[in-house]
C-alpha atoms as a PDB file:
ATOM      1  CA  MET A   1     -15.280   7.743 -19.968  1.00  0.00           C
ATOM      2  CA  PRO A   2     -11.506   7.045 -19.806  1.00  0.00           C
ATOM      3  CA  LEU A   3     -10.529   3.410 -19.305  1.00  0.00           C
ATOM      4  CA  ILE A   4      -8.373   2.320 -16.378  1.00  0.00           C
ATOM      5  CA  ASN A   5      -5.046   0.574 -16.932  1.00  0.00           C
ATOM      6  CA  HIS A   6      -5.397  -2.065 -14.245  1.00  0.00           C
ATOM      7  CA  TYR A   7      -2.391  -3.783 -12.657  1.00  0.00           C
ATOM      8  CA  CYS A   8      -2.577  -6.577 -10.115  1.00  0.00           C
ATOM      9  CA  ILE A   9       0.290  -7.401  -7.752  1.00  0.00           C
ATOM     10  CA  THR A  10       0.622 -11.057  -6.745  1.00  0.00           C
ATOM     11  CA  GLY A  11       3.271 -13.352  -5.369  1.00  0.00           C
ATOM     12  CA  LYS A  12       1.485 -16.530  -6.442  1.00  0.00           C
ATOM     13  CA  ASN A  13      -0.057 -18.024  -9.557  1.00  0.00           C
ATOM     14  CA  TYR A  14      -3.772 -18.489  -9.031  1.00  0.00           C
ATOM     15  CA  SER A  15      -5.921 -19.698 -11.897  1.00  0.00           C
ATOM     16  CA  PHE A  16      -8.654 -17.094 -11.480  1.00  0.00           C
ATOM     17  CA  LEU A  17      -6.151 -14.278 -12.131  1.00  0.00           C
ATOM     18  CA  HIS A  18      -5.707 -15.518 -15.723  1.00  0.00           C
ATOM     19  CA  ASN A  19      -9.259 -14.557 -16.652  1.00  0.00           C
ATOM     20  CA  LEU A  20      -9.649 -11.031 -15.273  1.00  0.00           C
ATOM     21  CA  ASP A  21      -8.143  -8.980 -18.134  1.00  0.00           C
ATOM     22  CA  LEU A  22      -5.679  -7.314 -15.787  1.00  0.00           C
ATOM     23  CA  LYS A  23      -1.937  -6.792 -16.171  1.00  0.00           C
ATOM     24  CA  ILE A  24      -0.323  -9.021 -13.584  1.00  0.00           C
ATOM     25  CA  ILE A  25       2.972  -8.205 -11.819  1.00  0.00           C
ATOM     26  CA  VAL A  26       4.750 -11.063 -10.036  1.00  0.00           C
ATOM     27  CA  SER A  27       6.093  -9.566  -6.813  1.00  0.00           C
ATOM     28  CA  GLY A  28       9.473 -10.726  -5.526  1.00  0.00           C
ATOM     29  CA  SER A  29       9.939 -12.732  -8.705  1.00  0.00           C
ATOM     30  CA  ILE A  30      13.734 -12.862  -8.310  1.00  0.00           C
ATOM     31  CA  SER A  31      13.330 -15.561  -5.667  1.00  0.00           C
ATOM     32  CA  LYS A  32      10.581 -17.534  -7.439  1.00  0.00           C
ATOM     33  CA  ASP A  33      10.518 -20.364  -9.965  1.00  0.00           C
ATOM     34  CA  LEU A  34       9.357 -18.335 -12.963  1.00  0.00           C
ATOM     35  CA  SER A  35       8.494 -21.463 -14.950  1.00  0.00           C
ATOM     36  CA  LYS A  36       5.403 -21.651 -12.725  1.00  0.00           C
ATOM     37  CA  PHE A  37       4.130 -18.273 -13.989  1.00  0.00           C
ATOM     38  CA  PRO A  38       2.709 -17.309 -17.404  1.00  0.00           C
ATOM     39  CA  ASP A  39       5.186 -15.732 -19.804  1.00  0.00           C
ATOM     40  CA  ASN A  40       2.924 -12.728 -20.355  1.00  0.00           C
ATOM     41  CA  TRP A  41       2.853 -11.795 -16.669  1.00  0.00           C
ATOM     42  CA  PHE A  42       5.261  -9.018 -15.726  1.00  0.00           C
ATOM     43  CA  LYS A  43       8.127 -10.006 -13.430  1.00  0.00           C
ATOM     44  CA  ASP A  44       9.455  -7.380 -11.019  1.00  0.00           C
ATOM     45  CA  SER A  45      12.971  -8.820 -11.437  1.00  0.00           C
ATOM     46  CA  THR A  46      13.291  -7.627 -15.052  1.00  0.00           C
ATOM     47  CA  GLY A  47      14.582  -4.260 -16.257  1.00  0.00           C
ATOM     48  CA  LYS A  48      15.387  -1.734 -13.569  1.00  0.00           C
ATOM     49  CA  ASN A  49      14.233  -3.353 -10.359  1.00  0.00           C
ATOM     50  CA  ILE A  50      14.570  -3.893  -6.596  1.00  0.00           C
ATOM     51  CA  SER A  51      13.074  -7.384  -6.568  1.00  0.00           C
ATOM     52  CA  ASN A  52      15.861  -8.544  -4.248  1.00  0.00           C
ATOM     53  CA  LYS A  53      14.447  -6.201  -1.574  1.00  0.00           C
ATOM     54  CA  ASN A  54      10.956  -7.727  -1.722  1.00  0.00           C
ATOM     55  CA  LYS A  55      11.226  -9.492   1.645  1.00  0.00           C
ATOM     56  CA  ASN A  56      11.328  -6.150   3.491  1.00  0.00           C
ATOM     57  CA  PHE A  57       9.746  -3.948   0.814  1.00  0.00           C
ATOM     58  CA  GLY A  58       6.707  -6.086   0.005  1.00  0.00           C
ATOM     59  CA  THR A  59       4.545  -4.602  -2.754  1.00  0.00           C
ATOM     60  CA  LEU A  60       6.971  -1.685  -3.099  1.00  0.00           C
ATOM     61  CA  SER A  61       9.173  -3.833  -5.350  1.00  0.00           C
ATOM     62  CA  SER A  62       6.256  -4.022  -7.803  1.00  0.00           C
ATOM     63  CA  HIS A  63       5.472  -0.318  -7.516  1.00  0.00           C
ATOM     64  CA  TYR A  64       9.128   0.410  -8.257  1.00  0.00           C
ATOM     65  CA  TRP A  65       9.118  -1.912 -11.270  1.00  0.00           C
ATOM     66  CA  LEU A  66       5.922  -0.340 -12.621  1.00  0.00           C
ATOM     67  CA  TRP A  67       7.348   3.163 -12.294  1.00  0.00           C
ATOM     68  CA  ASN A  68      10.713   2.373 -13.898  1.00  0.00           C
ATOM     69  CA  ASN A  69       9.681  -0.019 -16.654  1.00  0.00           C
ATOM     70  CA  GLU A  70       6.002   0.232 -17.540  1.00  0.00           C
ATOM     71  CA  PHE A  71       5.298   3.952 -17.181  1.00  0.00           C
ATOM     72  CA  ILE A  72       7.268   4.660 -20.349  1.00  0.00           C
ATOM     73  CA  ASN A  73       4.372   3.045 -22.236  1.00  0.00           C
ATOM     74  CA  LEU A  74       1.744   5.299 -20.666  1.00  0.00           C
ATOM     75  CA  GLU A  75       0.732   8.939 -21.143  1.00  0.00           C
ATOM     76  CA  ASP A  76       0.699  11.442 -18.284  1.00  0.00           C
ATOM     77  CA  ASP A  77      -3.107  11.577 -18.212  1.00  0.00           C
ATOM     78  CA  ASP A  78      -3.631   7.815 -18.404  1.00  0.00           C
ATOM     79  CA  TRP A  79      -5.452   6.363 -15.409  1.00  0.00           C
ATOM     80  CA  ILE A  80      -3.748   3.544 -13.492  1.00  0.00           C
ATOM     81  CA  GLY A  81      -5.381   1.189 -11.022  1.00  0.00           C
ATOM     82  CA  ILE A  82      -3.480  -0.900  -8.473  1.00  0.00           C
ATOM     83  CA  ASN A  83      -5.092  -4.159  -7.339  1.00  0.00           C
ATOM     84  CA  HIS A  84      -3.767  -6.958  -5.124  1.00  0.00           C
ATOM     85  CA  TYR A  85      -4.340 -10.662  -5.703  1.00  0.00           C
ATOM     86  CA  ARG A  86      -7.250 -10.744  -3.216  1.00  0.00           C
ATOM     87  CA  ARG A  87      -8.353  -7.100  -3.450  1.00  0.00           C
ATOM     88  CA  PHE A  88      -9.887  -5.612  -6.590  1.00  0.00           C
ATOM     89  CA  TRP A  89     -11.604  -2.379  -7.550  1.00  0.00           C
ATOM     90  CA  ILE A  90     -15.273  -3.059  -8.326  1.00  0.00           C
ATOM     91  CA  ASN A  91     -18.109  -1.057  -9.855  1.00  0.00           C
ATOM     92  CA  ARG A  92     -20.321  -1.198  -6.771  1.00  0.00           C
ATOM     93  CA  SER A  93     -20.361  -2.719  -3.302  1.00  0.00           C
ATOM     94  CA  ASN A  94     -21.422  -6.347  -3.600  1.00  0.00           C
ATOM     95  CA  ASP A  95     -21.164  -9.002  -0.897  1.00  0.00           C
ATOM     96  CA  ASN A  96     -21.915 -11.803  -3.347  1.00  0.00           C
ATOM     97  CA  LEU A  97     -18.776 -11.504  -5.453  1.00  0.00           C
ATOM     98  CA  THR A  98     -16.433 -14.466  -5.819  1.00  0.00           C
ATOM     99  CA  SER A  99     -13.496 -15.239  -8.055  1.00  0.00           C
ATOM    100  CA  LEU A 100     -15.975 -16.847 -10.480  1.00  0.00           C
ATOM    101  CA  ASN A 101     -18.043 -13.718 -11.157  1.00  0.00           C
ATOM    102  CA  LEU A 102     -15.484 -11.020 -10.352  1.00  0.00           C
ATOM    103  CA  LYS A 103     -14.468 -10.191 -13.928  1.00  0.00           C
ATOM    104  CA  GLU A 104     -17.746  -8.542 -14.907  1.00  0.00           C
ATOM    105  CA  HIS A 105     -17.768  -6.395 -11.765  1.00  0.00           C
ATOM    106  CA  ILE A 106     -14.284  -4.864 -11.971  1.00  0.00           C
ATOM    107  CA  GLN A 107     -14.404  -1.072 -12.368  1.00  0.00           C
ATOM    108  CA  ARG A 108     -13.047  -0.640 -15.900  1.00  0.00           C
ATOM    109  CA  SER A 109     -13.636   3.059 -16.541  1.00  0.00           C
ATOM    110  CA  ILE A 110     -13.336   6.289 -14.597  1.00  0.00           C
ATOM    111  CA  PRO A 111     -16.636   7.250 -12.926  1.00  0.00           C
ATOM    112  CA  ASN A 112     -18.042  10.750 -12.949  1.00  0.00           C
ATOM    113  CA  GLY A 113     -16.894  13.074 -10.201  1.00  0.00           C
ATOM    114  CA  ASP A 114     -14.500  15.828  -9.230  1.00  0.00           C
ATOM    115  CA  PHE A 115     -11.526  13.841  -8.013  1.00  0.00           C
ATOM    116  CA  GLU A 116      -7.888  13.099  -8.796  1.00  0.00           C
ATOM    117  CA  VAL A 117      -7.547   9.797  -6.986  1.00  0.00           C
ATOM    118  CA  LEU A 118      -9.853   6.968  -5.920  1.00  0.00           C
ATOM    119  CA  LEU A 119      -8.961   5.324  -2.598  1.00  0.00           C
ATOM    120  CA  PRO A 120     -10.454   2.678  -0.278  1.00  0.00           C
ATOM    121  CA  ASP A 121     -12.383   3.823   2.759  1.00  0.00           C
ATOM    122  CA  LYS A 122     -10.189   4.854   5.658  1.00  0.00           C
ATOM    123  CA  ILE A 123      -9.298   2.528   8.507  1.00  0.00           C
ATOM    124  CA  ASN A 124     -10.344   4.054  11.832  1.00  0.00           C
ATOM    125  CA  LEU A 125      -7.872   3.401  14.644  1.00  0.00           C
ATOM    126  CA  GLU A 126      -9.988   3.191  17.751  1.00  0.00           C
ATOM    127  CA  ASN A 127     -10.994   1.138  20.762  1.00  0.00           C
ATOM    128  CA  LEU A 128      -7.564  -0.346  21.425  1.00  0.00           C
ATOM    129  CA  LYS A 129      -7.720  -3.047  24.098  1.00  0.00           C
ATOM    130  CA  LEU A 130      -5.997  -2.141  27.359  1.00  0.00           C
ATOM    131  CA  SER A 131      -4.196  -5.494  27.376  1.00  0.00           C
ATOM    132  CA  LYS A 132      -2.750  -4.768  23.928  1.00  0.00           C
ATOM    133  CA  LEU A 133      -1.541  -1.336  25.002  1.00  0.00           C
ATOM    134  CA  ILE A 134       0.024  -2.670  28.201  1.00  0.00           C
ATOM    135  CA  LYS A 135       1.705  -5.541  26.370  1.00  0.00           C
ATOM    136  CA  LYS A 136       3.137  -3.594  23.444  1.00  0.00           C
ATOM    137  CA  GLY A 137       2.975   0.073  24.410  1.00  0.00           C
ATOM    138  CA  PHE A 138       4.986   0.299  27.634  1.00  0.00           C
ATOM    139  CA  ARG A 139       7.227   3.107  26.381  1.00  0.00           C
ATOM    140  CA  ASN A 140       4.233   4.940  24.940  1.00  0.00           C
ATOM    141  CA  TYR A 141       2.189   5.104  28.121  1.00  0.00           C
ATOM    142  CA  ILE A 142       5.239   5.847  30.285  1.00  0.00           C
ATOM    143  CA  LYS A 143       5.849   8.843  28.024  1.00  0.00           C
ATOM    144  CA  ASN A 144       2.154   9.791  27.904  1.00  0.00           C
ATOM    145  CA  PRO A 145       0.021   8.105  30.637  1.00  0.00           C
ATOM    146  CA  LYS A 146      -3.140   9.799  29.302  1.00  0.00           C
ATOM    147  CA  ILE A 147      -3.402   7.239  26.510  1.00  0.00           C
ATOM    148  CA  LEU A 148      -4.299   4.594  29.113  1.00  0.00           C
ATOM    149  CA  PHE A 149      -7.569   6.411  29.757  1.00  0.00           C
ATOM    150  CA  ASN A 150      -8.380   7.524  26.219  1.00  0.00           C
ATOM    151  CA  ARG A 151      -8.139   4.517  23.929  1.00  0.00           C
ATOM    152  CA  LYS A 152     -11.090   5.351  21.696  1.00  0.00           C
ATOM    153  CA  LYS A 153      -8.858   7.278  19.324  1.00  0.00           C
ATOM    154  CA  ILE A 154      -5.427   5.921  18.473  1.00  0.00           C
ATOM    155  CA  SER A 155      -3.117   8.093  16.388  1.00  0.00           C
ATOM    156  CA  ILE A 156      -1.448   6.696  13.271  1.00  0.00           C
ATOM    157  CA  SER A 157       1.894   7.069  15.021  1.00  0.00           C
ATOM    158  CA  LEU A 158       0.863   5.236  18.202  1.00  0.00           C
ATOM    159  CA  HIS A 159      -0.717   2.434  16.174  1.00  0.00           C
ATOM    160  CA  PHE A 160       2.509   2.020  14.186  1.00  0.00           C
ATOM    161  CA  ASP A 161       4.566   1.978  17.405  1.00  0.00           C
ATOM    162  CA  LEU A 162       2.475  -0.865  18.796  1.00  0.00           C
ATOM    163  CA  PHE A 163       2.434  -3.075  15.720  1.00  0.00           C
ATOM    164  CA  HIS A 164       5.605  -2.286  13.765  1.00  0.00           C
ATOM    165  CA  GLY A 165       8.226  -0.884  16.118  1.00  0.00           C
ATOM    166  CA  TYR A 166       8.514   1.903  18.665  1.00  0.00           C
ATOM    167  CA  ASN A 167       9.199   5.381  17.247  1.00  0.00           C
ATOM    168  CA  LEU A 168      10.179   4.065  13.801  1.00  0.00           C
ATOM    169  CA  LEU A 169       7.493   6.033  11.986  1.00  0.00           C
ATOM    170  CA  ASN A 170       8.443   9.299  13.686  1.00  0.00           C
ATOM    171  CA  GLN A 171      12.140   8.630  13.068  1.00  0.00           C
ATOM    172  CA  SER A 172      11.420   7.957   9.418  1.00  0.00           C
ATOM    173  CA  ALA A 173       9.620  11.307   9.144  1.00  0.00           C
ATOM    174  CA  ASP A 174      12.871  13.065  10.056  1.00  0.00           C
ATOM    175  CA  LEU A 175      14.348  11.788   6.786  1.00  0.00           C
ATOM    176  CA  LEU A 176      11.853  13.696   4.646  1.00  0.00           C
ATOM    177  CA  GLU A 177      12.486  17.146   3.249  1.00  0.00           C
ATOM    178  CA  LYS A 178      11.811  19.858   5.873  1.00  0.00           C
ATOM    179  CA  GLU A 179       8.289  20.910   4.851  1.00  0.00           C
ATOM    180  CA  ASP A 180       7.239  17.351   4.127  1.00  0.00           C
ATOM    181  CA  CYS A 181       8.716  16.243   7.450  1.00  0.00           C
ATOM    182  CA  LEU A 182       6.670  18.725   9.467  1.00  0.00           C
ATOM    183  CA  ASN A 183       3.468  18.008   7.577  1.00  0.00           C
ATOM    184  CA  PHE A 184       3.880  14.239   7.770  1.00  0.00           C
ATOM    185  CA  LYS A 185       4.614  14.342  11.502  1.00  0.00           C
ATOM    186  CA  ASN A 186       1.515  16.432  12.062  1.00  0.00           C
ATOM    187  CA  TYR A 187      -0.471  13.945   9.973  1.00  0.00           C
ATOM    188  CA  ILE A 188       0.643  10.796  11.793  1.00  0.00           C
ATOM    189  CA  ASN A 189       0.419  12.276  15.288  1.00  0.00           C
ATOM    190  CA  ASN A 190      -2.900  14.076  14.958  1.00  0.00           C
ATOM    191  CA  ASN A 191      -4.946  11.763  12.743  1.00  0.00           C
ATOM    192  CA  TYR A 192      -6.783   8.637  13.838  1.00  0.00           C
ATOM    193  CA  SER A 193      -7.466   7.048  10.463  1.00  0.00           C
ATOM    194  CA  PHE A 194      -5.697   6.535   7.149  1.00  0.00           C
ATOM    195  CA  TYR A 195      -6.227   5.173   3.643  1.00  0.00           C
ATOM    196  CA  PRO A 196      -4.816   1.634   3.695  1.00  0.00           C
ATOM    197  CA  LEU A 197      -3.351  -1.001   1.360  1.00  0.00           C
ATOM    198  CA  GLN A 198      -1.471   1.113  -1.219  1.00  0.00           C
ATOM    199  CA  MET A 199      -4.442   0.616  -3.533  1.00  0.00           C
ATOM    200  CA  PHE A 200      -5.398   3.578  -5.695  1.00  0.00           C
ATOM    201  CA  ILE A 201      -6.684   4.701  -9.062  1.00  0.00           C
ATOM    202  CA  SER A 202      -5.064   7.895 -10.313  1.00  0.00           C
ATOM    203  CA  LYS A 203      -3.329   9.472 -13.283  1.00  0.00           C
ATOM    204  CA  LYS A 204       0.248   8.606 -14.156  1.00  0.00           C
ATOM    205  CA  LYS A 205       1.417  12.210 -13.662  1.00  0.00           C
ATOM    206  CA  TYR A 206       0.288  12.168 -10.025  1.00  0.00           C
ATOM    207  CA  ILE A 207       1.645   8.687  -9.324  1.00  0.00           C
ATOM    208  CA  VAL A 208       5.077   9.583 -10.721  1.00  0.00           C
ATOM    209  CA  LYS A 209       5.423  12.359  -8.136  1.00  0.00           C
ATOM    210  CA  LEU A 210       4.295   9.991  -5.394  1.00  0.00           C
ATOM    211  CA  TYR A 211       6.856   7.373  -6.420  1.00  0.00           C
ATOM    212  CA  GLU A 212       9.669   9.930  -6.702  1.00  0.00           C
ATOM    213  CA  LYS A 213       9.084  11.142  -3.161  1.00  0.00           C
ATOM    214  CA  THR A 214       8.373   7.724  -1.682  1.00  0.00           C
ATOM    215  CA  PHE A 215      11.431   5.896  -2.975  1.00  0.00           C
ATOM    216  CA  ASP A 216      13.845   8.750  -2.276  1.00  0.00           C
ATOM    217  CA  TRP A 217      12.597   8.591   1.319  1.00  0.00           C
ATOM    218  CA  ILE A 218      12.329   4.808   1.660  1.00  0.00           C
ATOM    219  CA  PHE A 219      15.915   4.241   0.537  1.00  0.00           C
ATOM    220  CA  LYS A 220      17.032   6.705   3.229  1.00  0.00           C
ATOM    221  CA  CYS A 221      14.938   4.780   5.757  1.00  0.00           C
ATOM    222  CA  GLU A 222      16.575   1.544   4.653  1.00  0.00           C
ATOM    223  CA  LYS A 223      20.043   2.947   5.388  1.00  0.00           C
ATOM    224  CA  THR A 224      18.988   4.431   8.725  1.00  0.00           C
ATOM    225  CA  PHE A 225      17.306   1.237   9.940  1.00  0.00           C
ATOM    226  CA  SER A 226      19.865  -1.164   8.464  1.00  0.00           C
ATOM    227  CA  LYS A 227      20.872  -2.542  11.880  1.00  0.00           C
ATOM    228  CA  ILE A 228      17.320  -3.331  12.969  1.00  0.00           C
ATOM    229  CA  GLU A 229      16.389  -7.019  12.889  1.00  0.00           C
ATOM    230  CA  LEU A 230      13.380  -7.184  10.611  1.00  0.00           C
ATOM    231  CA  THR A 231      11.635 -10.361  11.699  1.00  0.00           C
ATOM    232  CA  GLY A 232       8.024 -11.240  12.395  1.00  0.00           C
ATOM    233  CA  TYR A 233       4.915 -10.009  10.608  1.00  0.00           C
ATOM    234  CA  GLY A 234       5.019  -6.491  12.031  1.00  0.00           C
ATOM    235  CA  LYS A 235       8.622  -5.729  11.055  1.00  0.00           C
ATOM    236  CA  GLU A 236       9.597  -7.988   8.172  1.00  0.00           C
ATOM    237  CA  ARG A 237       7.868  -5.696   5.646  1.00  0.00           C
ATOM    238  CA  LEU A 238       8.737  -2.518   7.545  1.00  0.00           C
ATOM    239  CA  TYR A 239       9.300  -0.360   4.461  1.00  0.00           C
ATOM    240  CA  ASP A 240       5.993  -1.466   2.957  1.00  0.00           C
ATOM    241  CA  PHE A 241       4.185  -0.412   6.150  1.00  0.00           C
ATOM    242  CA  LEU A 242       6.005   2.934   6.222  1.00  0.00           C
ATOM    243  CA  ALA A 243       5.058   3.613   2.607  1.00  0.00           C
ATOM    244  CA  GLU A 244       1.438   2.707   3.289  1.00  0.00           C
ATOM    245  CA  ARG A 245       1.182   5.602   5.751  1.00  0.00           C
ATOM    246  CA  TYR A 246       3.064   7.944   3.439  1.00  0.00           C
ATOM    247  CA  PHE A 247       0.833   7.090   0.461  1.00  0.00           C
ATOM    248  CA  SER A 248      -2.206   8.012   2.545  1.00  0.00           C
ATOM    249  CA  TYR A 249      -0.639  11.299   3.643  1.00  0.00           C
ATOM    250  CA  TYR A 250       0.503  12.190   0.117  1.00  0.00           C
ATOM    251  CA  PHE A 251      -2.869  11.614  -1.510  1.00  0.00           C
ATOM    252  CA  GLU A 252      -4.822  13.374   1.229  1.00  0.00           C
ATOM    253  CA  LYS A 253      -2.505  16.390   1.208  1.00  0.00           C
ATOM    254  CA  ASN A 254      -2.002  16.828  -2.527  1.00  0.00           C
ATOM    255  CA  LEU A 255      -4.967  15.442  -4.453  1.00  0.00           C
ATOM    256  CA  LYS A 256      -8.762  15.534  -4.493  1.00  0.00           C
ATOM    257  CA  VAL A 257      -9.797  12.219  -2.953  1.00  0.00           C
ATOM    258  CA  GLN A 258     -12.917  10.180  -3.546  1.00  0.00           C
ATOM    259  CA  THR A 259     -13.424   6.790  -1.912  1.00  0.00           C
ATOM    260  CA  TRP A 260     -14.470   3.799  -4.002  1.00  0.00           C
ATOM    261  CA  PRO A 261     -15.461   0.196  -3.249  1.00  0.00           C
ATOM    262  CA  TYR A 262     -13.181  -2.797  -3.584  1.00  0.00           C
ATOM    263  CA  ILE A 263     -13.678  -6.473  -2.838  1.00  0.00           C
ATOM    264  CA  LEU A 264     -11.559  -8.647  -0.576  1.00  0.00           C
ATOM    265  CA  LEU A 265     -11.857 -12.249  -1.752  1.00  0.00           C
ATOM    266  CA  LYS A 266     -11.819 -14.616   1.223  1.00  0.00           C
ATOM    267  CA  GLU A 267     -11.786 -17.886  -0.673  1.00  0.00           C
ATOM    268  CA  ASN A 268      -9.084 -20.495  -0.298  1.00  0.00           C
ATOM    269  CA  PHE A 269      -7.137 -20.581  -3.552  1.00  0.00           C
ATOM    270  CA  ASN A 270      -4.918 -23.371  -4.803  1.00  0.00           C
ATOM    271  CA  GLU A 271      -1.664 -22.211  -6.311  1.00  0.00           C
ATOM    272  CA  ILE A 272      -0.907 -23.515  -9.792  1.00  0.00           C
END
């Protein structure tokens, strides 16, 4: 079975990451003291990069670095896995995993199956509290009062409005190419779940197309929203949140999807 080229995106140096046999990318490294990180860890401020945008782009600065600097070393049919410093692809669901025994449980090879991408289970957007909707969704329920009485299913678009800024996701869709724009708008307004986290395992040739489309679009979004004050958790990483929804749409529309387990480590880690 083909092996997976695993990359892990982190903004901090945690000791357990040194022992996982993963390729580590330091996210937002342009603003960090690099003497605190191992020399053999990739820095997203080297080569062609957008590390200076990390504050508002989040993990996208590492995706961009990977695409523009590391992909030259990989073949089109090589499999690539994206992990985050607390979230890792594992070979089976296991509630007993910790940073101490994680290494032996990381999914190292491609499993059997008819798929083109492995993704986490979808997040279902449902059962929104009335108080949350009233507090954050005034413009939404004025425009469509029916949502006050049907909160069991929350569209991707409505959810984004409430937590990241009113109408920003729909406005961003207008910046896509015509066919993509229509399909993406249909996706975000008529779906009540999505694949989260920008975690995936797929072949380089598919990821290249994703990155080409995503960054062409995200840079347009950056210009369009340049006057918006991006502060607070919901807005500071606006472009990362936009891309998260687009990644889900792209994979679901274009590739054969299979879901796969990952672990979220909930330990308290001390930074080196």
